[in-house]
Amino acid sequence: MSAYDLQRRGSTLWIAALIHRLSGLALAIFLPIHFFVLGLSFHGGAQLDKFLRWSDQPLVKFAEGGLVFLLTVHLLGGLRILVIENFAWRDGQKQLATLAAAAAALVAFVFLVRVF
């Protein structure tokens, strides 16, 4: 590994790409669980109602805020990739990556405030 690779590995844009990949992985893990819960409605409303009562706990609501954060981060990361692939490189992309993370945190915070 060259010195350039090591220097680049800790950069803001490398971290943004890593977060985009990890958020995609977390969402991919979440989807089968989501489909399982939706499938509970086919087996009768009682099972779904039981799950929905369980999901009303504060820890689950907090986890939902994390999910909103992951969705927002992944969406903004995807938009970042579209910009990188289709437009010329700009000096301000590091600041945009930081702004995207801040926007994702803000969206998750607003979600949590509304839920609680």
C-alpha atoms as a PDB file:
ATOM      1  CA  MET A   1       0.000   0.000   0.000  1.00  0.00           C
ATOM      2  CA  SER A   2       1.452   3.346  -0.973  1.00  0.00           C
ATOM      3  CA  ALA A   3       1.683   6.423   1.235  1.00  0.00           C
ATOM      4  CA  TYR A   4      -0.979   8.050  -0.962  1.00  0.00           C
ATOM      5  CA  ASP A   5      -3.408   5.190  -0.241  1.00  0.00           C
ATOM      6  CA  LEU A   6      -2.811   5.485   3.501  1.00  0.00           C
ATOM      7  CA  GLN A   7      -3.311   9.242   3.434  1.00  0.00           C
ATOM      8  CA  ARG A   8      -6.455   8.951   1.344  1.00  0.00           C
ATOM      9  CA  ARG A   9      -7.932   6.268   3.624  1.00  0.00           C
ATOM     10  CA  GLY A  10      -8.525   8.723   6.460  1.00  0.00           C
ATOM     11  CA  SER A  11      -9.912  11.531   4.300  1.00  0.00           C
ATOM     12  CA  THR A  12     -13.404  12.911   4.706  1.00  0.00           C
ATOM     13  CA  LEU A  13     -14.502  11.590   1.315  1.00  0.00           C
ATOM     14  CA  TRP A  14     -13.194   8.089   2.092  1.00  0.00           C
ATOM     15  CA  ILE A  15     -15.120   8.136   5.364  1.00  0.00           C
ATOM     16  CA  ALA A  16     -18.243   9.336   3.505  1.00  0.00           C
ATOM     17  CA  ALA A  17     -17.908   6.419   1.071  1.00  0.00           C
ATOM     18  CA  LEU A  18     -17.437   3.985   3.977  1.00  0.00           C
ATOM     19  CA  ILE A  19     -20.521   5.323   5.763  1.00  0.00           C
ATOM     20  CA  HIS A  20     -22.503   5.017   2.534  1.00  0.00           C
ATOM     21  CA  ARG A  21     -21.502   1.368   2.201  1.00  0.00           C
ATOM     22  CA  LEU A  22     -22.175   0.564   5.849  1.00  0.00           C
ATOM     23  CA  SER A  23     -25.573   2.272   5.780  1.00  0.00           C
ATOM     24  CA  GLY A  24     -26.455   0.253   2.679  1.00  0.00           C
ATOM     25  CA  LEU A  25     -25.430  -2.951   4.454  1.00  0.00           C
ATOM     26  CA  ALA A  26     -27.479  -2.047   7.536  1.00  0.00           C
ATOM     27  CA  LEU A  27     -30.514  -1.277   5.383  1.00  0.00           C
ATOM     28  CA  ALA A  28     -30.078  -4.575   3.536  1.00  0.00           C
ATOM     29  CA  ILE A  29     -30.107  -6.375   6.894  1.00  0.00           C
ATOM     30  CA  PHE A  30     -33.190  -4.426   7.983  1.00  0.00           C
ATOM     31  CA  LEU A  31     -35.287  -5.185   4.874  1.00  0.00           C
ATOM     32  CA  PRO A  32     -35.933  -8.913   5.556  1.00  0.00           C
ATOM     33  CA  ILE A  33     -37.025  -8.018   9.098  1.00  0.00           C
ATOM     34  CA  HIS A  34     -39.340  -5.363   7.693  1.00  0.00           C
ATOM     35  CA  PHE A  35     -40.850  -7.840   5.216  1.00  0.00           C
ATOM     36  CA  PHE A  36     -41.303 -10.394   8.015  1.00  0.00           C
ATOM     37  CA  VAL A  37     -43.245  -7.849  10.075  1.00  0.00           C
ATOM     38  CA  LEU A  38     -45.372  -6.920   7.076  1.00  0.00           C
ATOM     39  CA  GLY A  39     -46.026 -10.634   6.583  1.00  0.00           C
ATOM     40  CA  LEU A  40     -47.481 -10.826  10.089  1.00  0.00           C
ATOM     41  CA  SER A  41     -50.548  -9.019   8.765  1.00  0.00           C
ATOM     42  CA  PHE A  42     -51.290 -11.999   6.501  1.00  0.00           C
ATOM     43  CA  HIS A  43     -51.469 -14.330   9.498  1.00  0.00           C
ATOM     44  CA  GLY A  44     -54.020 -12.285  11.344  1.00  0.00           C
ATOM     45  CA  GLY A  45     -54.183  -8.887  12.878  1.00  0.00           C
ATOM     46  CA  ALA A  46     -53.477 -10.134  16.410  1.00  0.00           C
ATOM     47  CA  GLN A  47     -49.822 -10.951  15.696  1.00  0.00           C
ATOM     48  CA  LEU A  48     -49.256  -7.628  13.972  1.00  0.00           C
ATOM     49  CA  ASP A  49     -50.984  -5.745  16.802  1.00  0.00           C
ATOM     50  CA  LYS A  50     -48.771  -7.525  19.329  1.00  0.00           C
ATOM     51  CA  PHE A  51     -45.659  -6.507  17.405  1.00  0.00           C
ATOM     52  CA  LEU A  52     -46.879  -2.927  17.041  1.00  0.00           C
ATOM     53  CA  ARG A  53     -47.445  -2.701  20.817  1.00  0.00           C
ATOM     54  CA  TRP A  54     -43.893  -3.981  21.356  1.00  0.00           C
ATOM     55  CA  SER A  55     -42.534  -1.444  18.872  1.00  0.00           C
ATOM     56  CA  ASP A  56     -44.010   1.416  20.918  1.00  0.00           C
ATOM     57  CA  GLN A  57     -41.137   1.144  23.440  1.00  0.00           C
ATOM     58  CA  PRO A  58     -38.712   4.090  23.706  1.00  0.00           C
ATOM     59  CA  LEU A  59     -35.685   1.999  22.706  1.00  0.00           C
ATOM     60  CA  VAL A  60     -37.446   0.850  19.540  1.00  0.00           C
ATOM     61  CA  LYS A  61     -38.442   4.437  18.748  1.00  0.00           C
ATOM     62  CA  PHE A  62     -34.806   5.475  19.206  1.00  0.00           C
ATOM     63  CA  ALA A  63     -33.759   2.662  16.831  1.00  0.00           C
ATOM     64  CA  GLU A  64     -36.288   3.984  14.314  1.00  0.00           C
ATOM     65  CA  GLY A  65     -34.506   7.333  14.531  1.00  0.00           C
ATOM     66  CA  GLY A  66     -31.282   5.497  13.711  1.00  0.00           C
ATOM     67  CA  LEU A  67     -33.009   3.919  10.741  1.00  0.00           C
ATOM     68  CA  VAL A  68     -34.146   7.327   9.492  1.00  0.00           C
ATOM     69  CA  PHE A  69     -30.544   8.520   9.887  1.00  0.00           C
ATOM     70  CA  LEU A  70     -29.261   5.533   7.861  1.00  0.00           C
ATOM     71  CA  LEU A  71     -31.836   6.114   5.126  1.00  0.00           C
ATOM     72  CA  THR A  72     -30.926   9.794   4.901  1.00  0.00           C
ATOM     73  CA  VAL A  73     -27.182   9.099   4.917  1.00  0.00           C
ATOM     74  CA  HIS A  74     -27.595   6.468   2.225  1.00  0.00           C
ATOM     75  CA  LEU A  75     -29.756   8.747   0.072  1.00  0.00           C
ATOM     76  CA  LEU A  76     -27.329  11.650   0.362  1.00  0.00           C
ATOM     77  CA  GLY A  77     -24.367   9.334  -0.239  1.00  0.00           C
ATOM     78  CA  GLY A  78     -26.015   8.071  -3.405  1.00  0.00           C
ATOM     79  CA  LEU A  79     -26.565  11.625  -4.597  1.00  0.00           C
ATOM     80  CA  ARG A  80     -22.905  12.341  -3.826  1.00  0.00           C
ATOM     81  CA  ILE A  81     -21.860   9.411  -6.016  1.00  0.00           C
ATOM     82  CA  LEU A  82     -24.088  10.642  -8.846  1.00  0.00           C
ATOM     83  CA  VAL A  83     -22.427  14.062  -8.641  1.00  0.00           C
ATOM     84  CA  ILE A  84     -18.925  12.546  -8.588  1.00  0.00           C
ATOM     85  CA  GLU A  85     -19.648  10.325 -11.583  1.00  0.00           C
ATOM     86  CA  ASN A  86     -21.414  12.930 -13.701  1.00  0.00           C
ATOM     87  CA  PHE A  87     -19.775  16.259 -12.912  1.00  0.00           C
ATOM     88  CA  ALA A  88     -16.257  17.633 -12.654  1.00  0.00           C
ATOM     89  CA  TRP A  89     -14.405  17.286  -9.361  1.00  0.00           C
ATOM     90  CA  ARG A  90     -14.848  20.308  -7.115  1.00  0.00           C
ATOM     91  CA  ASP A  91     -12.755  21.442  -4.155  1.00  0.00           C
ATOM     92  CA  GLY A  92     -15.791  21.797  -1.929  1.00  0.00           C
ATOM     93  CA  GLN A  93     -16.830  18.147  -1.991  1.00  0.00           C
ATOM     94  CA  LYS A  94     -15.397  17.490   1.468  1.00  0.00           C
ATOM     95  CA  GLN A  95     -17.560  20.243   2.861  1.00  0.00           C
ATOM     96  CA  LEU A  96     -20.585  18.826   1.020  1.00  0.00           C
ATOM     97  CA  ALA A  97     -19.925  15.384   2.517  1.00  0.00           C
ATOM     98  CA  THR A  98     -19.807  16.941   5.983  1.00  0.00           C
ATOM     99  CA  LEU A  99     -22.954  18.927   5.241  1.00  0.00           C
ATOM    100  CA  ALA A 100     -24.703  15.726   4.106  1.00  0.00           C
ATOM    101  CA  ALA A 101     -23.834  14.012   7.398  1.00  0.00           C
ATOM    102  CA  ALA A 102     -25.126  17.027   9.318  1.00  0.00           C
ATOM    103  CA  ALA A 103     -28.342  17.033   7.271  1.00  0.00           C
ATOM    104  CA  ALA A 104     -28.851  13.333   7.977  1.00  0.00           C
ATOM    105  CA  ALA A 105     -28.351  13.904  11.696  1.00  0.00           C
ATOM    106  CA  LEU A 106     -30.825  16.804  11.602  1.00  0.00           C
ATOM    107  CA  VAL A 107     -33.472  14.714   9.822  1.00  0.00           C
ATOM    108  CA  ALA A 108     -33.046  11.887  12.362  1.00  0.00           C
ATOM    109  CA  PHE A 109     -33.237  14.381  15.258  1.00  0.00           C
ATOM    110  CA  VAL A 110     -36.444  15.939  13.914  1.00  0.00           C
ATOM    111  CA  PHE A 111     -37.908  12.448  13.512  1.00  0.00           C
ATOM    112  CA  LEU A 112     -37.040  11.548  17.119  1.00  0.00           C
ATOM    113  CA  VAL A 113     -38.495  14.813  18.458  1.00  0.00           C
ATOM    114  CA  ARG A 114     -41.741  14.144  16.617  1.00  0.00           C
ATOM    115  CA  VAL A 115     -41.903  10.515  17.825  1.00  0.00           C
ATOM    116  CA  PHE A 116     -41.264  11.321  21.467  1.00  0.00           C
END
